Amino acid sequence: MSALARRMGLIALLLALSLITAACANDSTDEEATEDAAAATDEEPTEDEMAEEELTEDEMAEEEPTEDEATEDEAADASEGGVSIEDSCAQYEGVEVPEDFNVVLVTDIGKVDDGTFNQFANDGMVAAADCLGFESQAIETASEADYATNISTALEADPEVVVTVGFLIADATLEAANANPDVNFIGIDQFQAEYPANYVGVLFREDQGGFLAGAMAGLLTESNTIGVVGGLEVVPPVVRLVNGFEAGAHYIDESINVLKVYTDSFTDPAQGASAAQQFLGEGADVIFGAGGQTGSGGVSAATEAGAWGIGVDQDEYFTTFGGGSSPGSEFLATSAVKRVDLGVFNQIGEALAGSFEGGIYTLDAANGGISYAPFHDAAIPEDAAAQLEEVRQGLADGSIETGIDPATGLPL
């Protein structure tokens, strides 16, 4: 072969190689990027790169919660029945609040930090004040004789809304509402045969709350004996809780022995503890407190003894048990939550929106007014947690009935 021929062959070969190189340019770029990334793993990352990596791991943790976290989140959602104070705040966003608008709350016998009923009502008023921007104050009641006087004191502040808490203050509230038609009255747990246009009675399906507590007790008991420490029997919501508790337990197992007692005070933890201790002595291993601070005393006595306790009204883990700092918090199974805060908040919102209507406003499982609290430190078996949520959903959609008259609280 001549020298010219060899040169021509070499040129042809180089041209072919250049075409192959061009065709593979993209692949080469990807390979180089891969090689660069691989090489980068051998280098020390910068502080910014480390921060980005940590953020990514945190985000992944949020996206993929552990099984325990998922269970807690589900219970937290259930405790609000899918409705939160934030939801209510958003509902009334943009409502105009007059500069001098103010609300006064009068408690039932007890204080605004009682850990149950009065506190939850006050929480609702304070949350509405924070969200919507108005002045609020609370007046604490020491005895039944103070009801009318405290409402009169509340009216001296020239409020647009007065909130009164409890069944026993209903008569004094009705009288004040009739005498002050320009003031809106929100009465928690107050049923009247007739309401003036400026008075709404916020009522609850406590039979459903008691039913949830009873179902949980029925799912947890090993002795087949459980107990409930109630407040005053003359108060219909208490009767609904107590009888609902028994019905819920028997929904799980008809053979369960339910011990019941009514006390003569909502503010006597020692009396509640004594009643609970008697029940424990009779073999009960779950105690439900359905009587304010008196019932809470029973729950505390039970959990300190290593038995299960179930709170009422609001999440007693944060009140009676100090967020887990009090003895026995790991035995607080849950609380039968009665969204008093939601009732107060929404009715204040209605007053501001100009859509306040006298009459009955009922909160139940269907609208998020009745539910149960998260399990927190309690080691609740997964199957029990799942069954309890099924019961809540059944009460909400009407497929489960309590068998309790929602007015009298007596079995149907």
Protein backbone atom coordinates (compact mmCIF):
# COMPACT_ATOMS: atom_id res chain seq x y z
CA MET A 1 0.00 0.00 0.00
CA SER A 2 1.32 3.46 -0.95
CA ALA A 3 1.97 6.20 1.57
CA LEU A 4 -0.91 8.25 0.13
CA ALA A 5 -3.33 5.39 0.56
CA ARG A 6 -2.23 4.88 4.15
CA ARG A 7 -2.78 8.62 4.85
CA MET A 8 -6.26 8.56 3.31
CA GLY A 9 -7.18 5.52 5.41
CA LEU A 10 -5.99 7.25 8.55
CA ILE A 11 -8.06 10.38 7.73
CA ALA A 12 -11.16 8.25 7.15
CA LEU A 13 -10.60 6.49 10.47
CA LEU A 14 -10.26 9.84 12.28
CA LEU A 15 -13.49 11.14 10.68
CA ALA A 16 -15.36 8.02 11.80
CA LEU A 17 -14.03 8.38 15.32
CA SER A 18 -15.11 12.05 15.43
CA LEU A 19 -18.67 11.10 14.42
CA ILE A 20 -18.82 8.43 17.11
CA THR A 21 -17.52 10.93 19.66
CA ALA A 22 -20.18 13.49 18.70
CA ALA A 23 -22.96 10.91 18.86
CA CYS A 24 -21.89 9.87 22.34
CA ALA A 25 -21.40 13.40 23.68
CA ASN A 26 -24.52 13.30 25.87
CA ASP A 27 -23.60 9.92 27.31
CA SER A 28 -20.13 11.17 28.03
CA THR A 29 -21.58 14.21 29.84
CA ASP A 30 -23.77 11.95 32.03
CA GLU A 31 -20.84 9.69 32.78
CA GLU A 32 -18.69 12.67 33.69
CA ALA A 33 -21.43 13.99 35.98
CA THR A 34 -21.68 10.60 37.62
CA GLU A 35 -17.93 10.44 38.04
CA ASP A 36 -17.91 13.99 39.44
CA ALA A 37 -20.65 13.10 41.92
CA ALA A 38 -18.79 9.99 42.95
CA ALA A 39 -15.62 12.00 43.38
CA ALA A 40 -17.53 14.56 45.45
CA THR A 41 -18.44 11.88 47.98
CA ASP A 42 -14.77 11.57 48.81
CA GLU A 43 -14.55 15.29 49.61
CA GLU A 44 -15.48 16.94 52.92
CA PRO A 45 -18.97 18.57 52.58
CA THR A 46 -19.32 22.28 53.26
CA GLU A 47 -21.40 23.57 56.23
CA ASP A 48 -24.16 24.66 53.83
CA GLU A 49 -24.22 21.21 52.22
CA MET A 50 -24.42 19.59 55.66
CA ALA A 51 -27.35 21.85 56.64
CA GLU A 52 -29.15 20.99 53.40
CA GLU A 53 -28.59 17.29 54.06
CA GLU A 54 -29.95 17.57 57.62
CA LEU A 55 -33.03 19.46 56.38
CA THR A 56 -33.68 16.77 53.82
CA GLU A 57 -33.52 14.09 56.51
CA ASP A 58 -35.93 16.06 58.73
CA GLU A 59 -38.32 16.48 55.83
CA MET A 60 -38.16 12.77 55.15
CA ALA A 61 -38.93 12.06 58.80
CA GLU A 62 -41.98 14.32 58.59
CA GLU A 63 -43.16 12.61 55.43
CA GLU A 64 -42.72 9.14 56.86
CA PRO A 65 -43.83 9.15 60.53
CA THR A 66 -43.13 6.16 62.70
CA GLU A 67 -45.96 3.81 63.56
CA ASP A 68 -46.26 5.30 67.06
CA GLU A 69 -46.33 8.85 65.68
CA ALA A 70 -48.97 7.88 63.13
CA THR A 71 -51.15 6.37 65.87
CA GLU A 72 -50.75 9.50 68.02
CA ASP A 73 -51.61 11.76 65.08
CA GLU A 74 -54.73 9.74 64.33
CA ALA A 75 -55.81 9.98 67.96
CA ALA A 76 -55.11 13.73 67.98
CA ASP A 77 -57.26 14.17 64.88
CA ALA A 78 -60.01 12.11 66.46
CA SER A 79 -59.88 14.18 69.66
CA GLU A 80 -60.93 17.20 67.65
CA GLY A 81 -63.35 15.21 65.54
CA GLY A 82 -61.71 16.78 62.52
CA VAL A 83 -62.48 20.32 63.81
CA SER A 84 -59.89 22.57 65.40
CA ILE A 85 -59.92 26.03 66.93
CA GLU A 86 -57.77 27.07 63.98
CA ASP A 87 -60.60 25.97 61.68
CA SER A 88 -63.04 28.16 63.59
CA CYS A 89 -60.63 31.08 63.51
CA ALA A 90 -60.37 30.78 59.72
CA GLN A 91 -64.16 30.55 59.47
CA TYR A 92 -64.58 34.01 60.97
CA GLU A 93 -61.60 35.61 59.27
CA GLY A 94 -62.47 39.07 58.04
CA VAL A 95 -65.34 39.60 60.49
CA GLU A 96 -65.32 43.21 61.66
CA VAL A 97 -64.83 43.60 65.41
CA PRO A 98 -66.12 46.85 66.96
CA GLU A 99 -63.47 48.69 68.95
CA ASP A 100 -65.31 48.40 72.27
CA PHE A 101 -66.48 44.77 71.79
CA ASN A 102 -65.94 42.70 74.93
CA VAL A 103 -67.02 39.35 76.37
CA VAL A 104 -67.38 38.29 80.01
CA LEU A 105 -67.54 34.68 81.20
CA VAL A 106 -69.11 33.58 84.50
CA THR A 107 -67.97 30.14 85.66
CA ASP A 108 -69.98 27.44 87.30
CA ILE A 109 -68.83 26.70 90.86
CA GLY A 110 -65.06 26.53 90.53
CA LYS A 111 -62.22 28.32 88.82
CA VAL A 112 -61.05 28.86 85.26
CA ASP A 113 -58.09 26.56 85.90
CA ASP A 114 -60.14 23.63 87.22
CA GLY A 115 -58.73 21.34 84.52
CA THR A 116 -62.12 20.40 83.10
CA PHE A 117 -65.39 22.17 82.36
CA ASN A 118 -64.86 25.80 83.41
CA GLN A 119 -61.34 25.87 82.03
CA PHE A 120 -62.39 24.55 78.64
CA ALA A 121 -65.10 27.21 78.35
CA ASN A 122 -62.62 29.91 79.27
CA ASP A 123 -60.14 28.48 76.75
CA GLY A 124 -62.76 28.94 74.04
CA MET A 125 -63.37 32.56 74.98
CA VAL A 126 -59.65 33.35 75.19
CA ALA A 127 -58.99 31.65 71.85
CA ALA A 128 -61.74 33.72 70.21
CA ALA A 129 -60.33 36.89 71.76
CA ASP A 130 -56.84 36.07 70.48
CA CYS A 131 -58.11 35.18 67.01
CA LEU A 132 -60.60 37.97 66.46
CA GLY A 133 -59.15 40.70 68.65
CA PHE A 134 -61.40 41.78 71.51
CA GLU A 135 -61.28 42.21 75.29
CA SER A 136 -62.42 39.40 77.60
CA GLN A 137 -62.55 38.60 81.29
CA ALA A 138 -63.76 35.81 83.56
CA ILE A 139 -65.63 35.91 86.88
CA GLU A 140 -65.27 32.85 89.11
CA THR A 141 -68.21 31.51 91.11
CA ALA A 142 -67.75 30.26 94.67
CA SER A 143 -71.30 29.07 95.40
CA GLU A 144 -74.75 28.79 93.81
CA ALA A 145 -75.85 31.87 95.72
CA ASP A 146 -73.39 33.93 93.64
CA TYR A 147 -74.83 33.14 90.19
CA ALA A 148 -77.16 36.15 89.81
CA THR A 149 -74.71 38.51 91.50
CA ASN A 150 -71.86 37.44 89.23
CA ILE A 151 -73.97 37.89 86.11
CA SER A 152 -74.90 41.40 87.32
CA THR A 153 -71.19 42.11 87.84
CA ALA A 154 -70.48 40.88 84.32
CA LEU A 155 -73.09 43.25 82.90
CA GLU A 156 -71.39 46.22 84.56
CA ALA A 157 -68.59 45.84 81.99
CA ASP A 158 -71.12 46.67 79.25
CA PRO A 159 -70.34 43.48 77.30
CA GLU A 160 -71.77 42.49 73.94
CA VAL A 161 -71.66 38.82 75.00
CA VAL A 162 -71.94 37.06 78.37
CA VAL A 163 -70.98 33.39 78.65
CA THR A 164 -72.36 31.46 81.62
CA VAL A 165 -71.14 27.97 82.36
CA GLY A 166 -73.19 25.07 83.64
CA PHE A 167 -76.69 23.70 84.09
CA LEU A 168 -77.15 25.18 87.55
CA ILE A 169 -76.74 28.80 86.40
CA ALA A 170 -79.43 28.45 83.72
CA ASP A 171 -82.28 30.14 85.63
CA ALA A 172 -80.17 33.20 86.47
CA THR A 173 -79.01 33.38 82.84
CA LEU A 174 -82.56 33.28 81.46
CA GLU A 175 -83.64 36.05 83.81
CA ALA A 176 -80.67 38.21 82.78
CA ALA A 177 -81.24 37.56 79.08
CA ASN A 178 -84.86 38.65 79.32
CA ALA A 179 -83.86 41.80 81.20
CA ASN A 180 -81.00 42.70 78.81
CA PRO A 181 -82.18 42.13 75.23
CA ASP A 182 -79.21 44.04 73.76
CA VAL A 183 -76.70 41.54 75.22
CA ASN A 184 -76.17 38.08 73.74
CA PHE A 185 -76.00 35.25 76.25
CA ILE A 186 -74.24 31.92 75.65
CA GLY A 187 -75.29 29.30 78.20
CA ILE A 188 -73.19 26.14 78.33
CA ASP A 189 -75.24 23.02 79.17
CA GLN A 190 -78.40 25.11 79.57
CA PHE A 191 -81.73 23.84 78.32
CA GLN A 192 -84.78 26.08 78.38
CA ALA A 193 -88.35 25.41 77.27
CA GLU A 194 -88.15 28.70 75.37
CA TYR A 195 -85.20 30.94 74.57
CA PRO A 196 -85.34 34.66 73.88
CA ALA A 197 -83.63 35.76 70.64
CA ASN A 198 -80.48 36.83 72.54
CA TYR A 199 -79.88 33.54 74.37
CA VAL A 200 -78.42 30.32 72.96
CA GLY A 201 -78.13 27.12 74.96
CA VAL A 202 -75.02 25.16 73.95
CA LEU A 203 -75.83 21.50 74.54
CA PHE A 204 -73.80 18.34 74.02
CA ARG A 205 -74.42 14.65 73.40
CA GLU A 206 -72.67 13.62 76.61
CA ASP A 207 -74.21 10.18 76.19
CA GLN A 208 -71.88 9.78 73.19
CA GLY A 209 -68.89 10.96 75.21
CA GLY A 210 -69.72 8.54 78.00
CA PHE A 211 -70.25 5.81 75.41
CA LEU A 212 -66.74 6.35 74.05
CA ALA A 213 -65.29 6.24 77.56
CA GLY A 214 -67.22 3.06 78.31
CA ALA A 215 -66.09 1.44 75.07
CA MET A 216 -62.47 2.21 75.92
CA ALA A 217 -62.93 0.84 79.43
CA GLY A 218 -64.51 -2.30 78.02
CA LEU A 219 -61.59 -2.77 75.63
CA LEU A 220 -58.99 -2.37 78.40
CA THR A 221 -60.47 -4.16 81.40
CA GLU A 222 -59.00 -7.48 82.42
CA SER A 223 -61.02 -7.92 85.61
CA ASN A 224 -64.33 -7.35 83.78
CA THR A 225 -65.22 -4.71 86.40
CA ILE A 226 -65.03 -0.97 85.77
CA GLY A 227 -66.25 2.13 87.61
CA VAL A 228 -67.46 5.68 87.04
CA VAL A 229 -67.30 8.55 89.53
CA GLY A 230 -70.04 11.03 88.63
CA GLY A 231 -70.87 14.51 89.85
CA LEU A 232 -74.31 15.70 90.96
CA GLU A 233 -77.12 13.45 89.81
CA VAL A 234 -79.46 16.42 89.42
CA VAL A 235 -77.34 17.63 86.49
CA PRO A 236 -78.54 15.95 83.25
CA PRO A 237 -75.14 16.04 81.47
CA VAL A 238 -73.65 14.03 84.33
CA VAL A 239 -76.43 11.44 84.06
CA ARG A 240 -75.84 11.23 80.31
CA LEU A 241 -72.12 10.62 80.87
CA VAL A 242 -72.66 7.96 83.52
CA ASN A 243 -75.34 6.02 81.66
CA GLY A 244 -73.53 6.47 78.35
CA PHE A 245 -70.43 4.96 79.98
CA GLU A 246 -72.34 1.85 81.01
CA ALA A 247 -73.92 1.55 77.55
CA GLY A 248 -70.52 1.86 75.84
CA ALA A 249 -68.97 -0.81 78.03
CA HIS A 250 -71.87 -3.19 77.35
CA TYR A 251 -71.55 -2.47 73.62
CA ILE A 252 -68.12 -4.13 73.90
CA ASP A 253 -69.17 -6.88 76.32
CA GLU A 254 -72.58 -7.28 77.96
CA SER A 255 -71.04 -9.17 80.88
CA ILE A 256 -68.92 -6.26 82.11
CA ASN A 257 -69.76 -5.17 85.67
CA VAL A 258 -70.16 -1.38 85.83
CA LEU A 259 -69.90 0.28 89.26
CA LYS A 260 -71.50 3.76 89.44
CA VAL A 261 -71.67 6.51 92.03
CA TYR A 262 -72.91 10.11 92.05
CA THR A 263 -71.22 12.59 94.39
CA ASP A 264 -72.47 15.85 95.91
CA SER A 265 -69.78 18.16 94.55
CA PHE A 266 -67.86 19.03 91.39
CA THR A 267 -64.92 20.45 93.35
CA ASP A 268 -63.95 17.72 95.83
CA PRO A 269 -61.06 15.58 94.49
CA ALA A 270 -60.72 13.79 97.82
CA GLN A 271 -64.32 12.56 97.60
CA GLY A 272 -63.67 11.33 94.07
CA ALA A 273 -60.49 9.58 95.14
CA SER A 274 -62.32 7.83 97.98
CA ALA A 275 -65.02 6.57 95.61
CA ALA A 276 -62.43 5.31 93.14
CA GLN A 277 -60.49 3.51 95.84
CA GLN A 278 -63.67 1.74 96.90
CA PHE A 279 -64.25 0.63 93.30
CA LEU A 280 -60.66 -0.59 93.03
CA GLY A 281 -61.23 -2.59 96.18
CA GLU A 282 -64.22 -4.22 94.49
CA GLY A 283 -62.05 -5.31 91.57
CA ALA A 284 -62.39 -2.43 89.11
CA ASP A 285 -59.34 -1.86 86.91
CA VAL A 286 -60.63 1.14 84.91
CA ILE A 287 -62.09 4.33 86.43
CA PHE A 288 -63.91 7.07 84.51
CA GLY A 289 -64.24 10.48 86.16
CA ALA A 290 -67.46 12.24 85.12
CA GLY A 291 -67.75 14.98 87.74
CA GLY A 292 -65.34 17.88 87.27
CA GLN A 293 -62.53 18.03 89.81
CA THR A 294 -64.27 15.40 91.92
CA GLY A 295 -64.13 12.95 89.03
CA SER A 296 -60.54 13.95 88.32
CA GLY A 297 -59.66 12.99 91.88
CA GLY A 298 -61.02 9.52 91.14
CA VAL A 299 -59.03 9.25 87.93
CA SER A 300 -55.81 10.30 89.68
CA ALA A 301 -56.36 7.78 92.48
CA ALA A 302 -56.87 5.02 89.93
CA THR A 303 -53.79 5.78 87.85
CA GLU A 304 -51.56 6.21 90.89
CA ALA A 305 -52.65 2.70 91.92
CA GLY A 306 -51.69 1.34 88.49
CA ALA A 307 -55.26 1.05 87.16
CA TRP A 308 -56.49 2.71 83.99
CA GLY A 309 -58.10 6.14 84.23
CA ILE A 310 -60.28 8.03 81.75
CA GLY A 311 -60.78 11.79 82.02
CA VAL A 312 -63.64 14.00 80.89
CA ASP A 313 -64.50 17.30 79.15
CA GLN A 314 -61.02 18.18 77.90
CA ASP A 315 -57.73 16.31 77.60
CA GLU A 316 -56.84 15.77 81.26
CA TYR A 317 -53.29 14.74 80.31
CA PHE A 318 -52.51 18.46 80.07
CA THR A 319 -54.56 19.58 83.06
CA THR A 320 -54.95 16.98 85.81
CA PHE A 321 -51.69 15.24 84.83
CA GLY A 322 -49.60 18.31 84.04
CA GLY A 323 -48.62 17.21 80.56
CA GLY A 324 -47.27 13.91 81.85
CA SER A 325 -45.45 15.26 84.92
CA SER A 326 -47.92 13.87 87.49
CA PRO A 327 -47.77 10.31 88.87
CA GLY A 328 -49.78 7.78 86.90
CA SER A 329 -49.93 9.71 83.62
CA GLU A 330 -48.94 6.55 81.76
CA PHE A 331 -52.23 5.00 82.91
CA LEU A 332 -54.44 7.82 81.65
CA ALA A 333 -55.93 5.94 78.71
CA THR A 334 -57.78 8.91 77.18
CA SER A 335 -60.43 11.51 78.03
CA ALA A 336 -64.01 11.81 76.81
CA VAL A 337 -63.68 15.18 75.11
CA LYS A 338 -66.61 17.57 75.12
CA ARG A 339 -65.70 20.52 72.90
CA VAL A 340 -66.93 23.28 75.17
CA ASP A 341 -64.20 25.51 73.72
CA LEU A 342 -65.58 25.03 70.22
CA GLY A 343 -69.12 25.85 71.35
CA VAL A 344 -68.05 29.09 73.05
CA PHE A 345 -65.77 30.15 70.19
CA ASN A 346 -68.36 29.56 67.47
CA GLN A 347 -71.17 31.35 69.24
CA ILE A 348 -68.99 34.40 69.92
CA GLY A 349 -68.11 34.31 66.24
CA GLU A 350 -71.80 34.21 65.33
CA ALA A 351 -72.44 37.23 67.53
CA LEU A 352 -69.69 39.18 65.76
CA ALA A 353 -70.88 38.06 62.34
CA GLY A 354 -74.41 39.27 63.09
CA SER A 355 -75.86 35.77 62.74
CA PHE A 356 -76.43 34.97 66.43
CA GLU A 357 -79.74 33.14 66.95
CA GLY A 358 -81.50 32.22 70.15
CA GLY A 359 -82.29 28.57 70.73
CA ILE A 360 -80.36 25.32 71.02
CA TYR A 361 -76.92 24.73 69.50
CA THR A 362 -75.97 21.06 69.83
CA LEU A 363 -72.47 19.61 69.53
CA ASP A 364 -72.08 15.88 68.96
CA ALA A 365 -69.84 13.29 67.34
CA ALA A 366 -71.12 14.19 63.89
CA ASN A 367 -69.95 17.83 64.01
CA GLY A 368 -66.80 17.25 66.06
CA GLY A 369 -68.27 18.33 69.38
CA ILE A 370 -67.82 14.93 71.07
CA SER A 371 -64.70 12.79 70.73
CA TYR A 372 -61.76 11.36 72.70
CA ALA A 373 -58.26 12.59 73.55
CA PRO A 374 -54.92 11.22 72.31
CA PHE A 375 -53.39 8.35 74.29
CA HIS A 376 -50.10 10.19 75.04
CA ASP A 377 -48.00 8.07 77.44
CA ALA A 378 -50.50 5.21 77.66
CA ALA A 379 -49.56 1.97 75.94
CA ILE A 380 -52.94 1.35 74.32
CA PRO A 381 -53.03 -1.86 72.24
CA GLU A 382 -53.38 -1.16 68.53
CA ASP A 383 -56.52 -3.26 68.20
CA ALA A 384 -58.19 -1.35 71.06
CA ALA A 385 -57.25 1.97 69.48
CA ALA A 386 -58.66 0.85 66.15
CA GLN A 387 -61.91 -0.35 67.71
CA LEU A 388 -62.36 2.88 69.66
CA GLU A 389 -62.00 4.90 66.47
CA GLU A 390 -64.54 2.64 64.76
CA VAL A 391 -66.97 3.38 67.59
CA ARG A 392 -66.40 7.13 67.24
CA GLN A 393 -67.01 6.97 63.52
CA GLY A 394 -70.12 4.86 64.09
CA LEU A 395 -71.51 7.45 66.49
CA ALA A 396 -70.69 10.20 63.99
CA ASP A 397 -72.37 8.55 61.00
CA GLY A 398 -75.33 7.24 63.01
CA SER A 399 -74.59 3.55 62.52
CA ILE A 400 -74.11 3.21 66.30
CA GLU A 401 -76.75 4.47 68.76
CA THR A 402 -76.05 4.89 72.46
CA GLY A 403 -79.48 3.73 73.60
CA ILE A 404 -79.59 6.73 75.95
CA ASP A 405 -82.17 9.50 75.81
CA PRO A 406 -80.13 12.60 74.81
CA ALA A 407 -82.44 14.81 76.89
CA THR A 408 -82.92 12.96 80.17
CA GLY A 409 -79.82 10.79 80.01
CA LEU A 410 -81.88 7.72 80.95
CA PRO A 411 -81.76 4.44 79.01
CA LEU A 412 -84.37 4.26 76.24
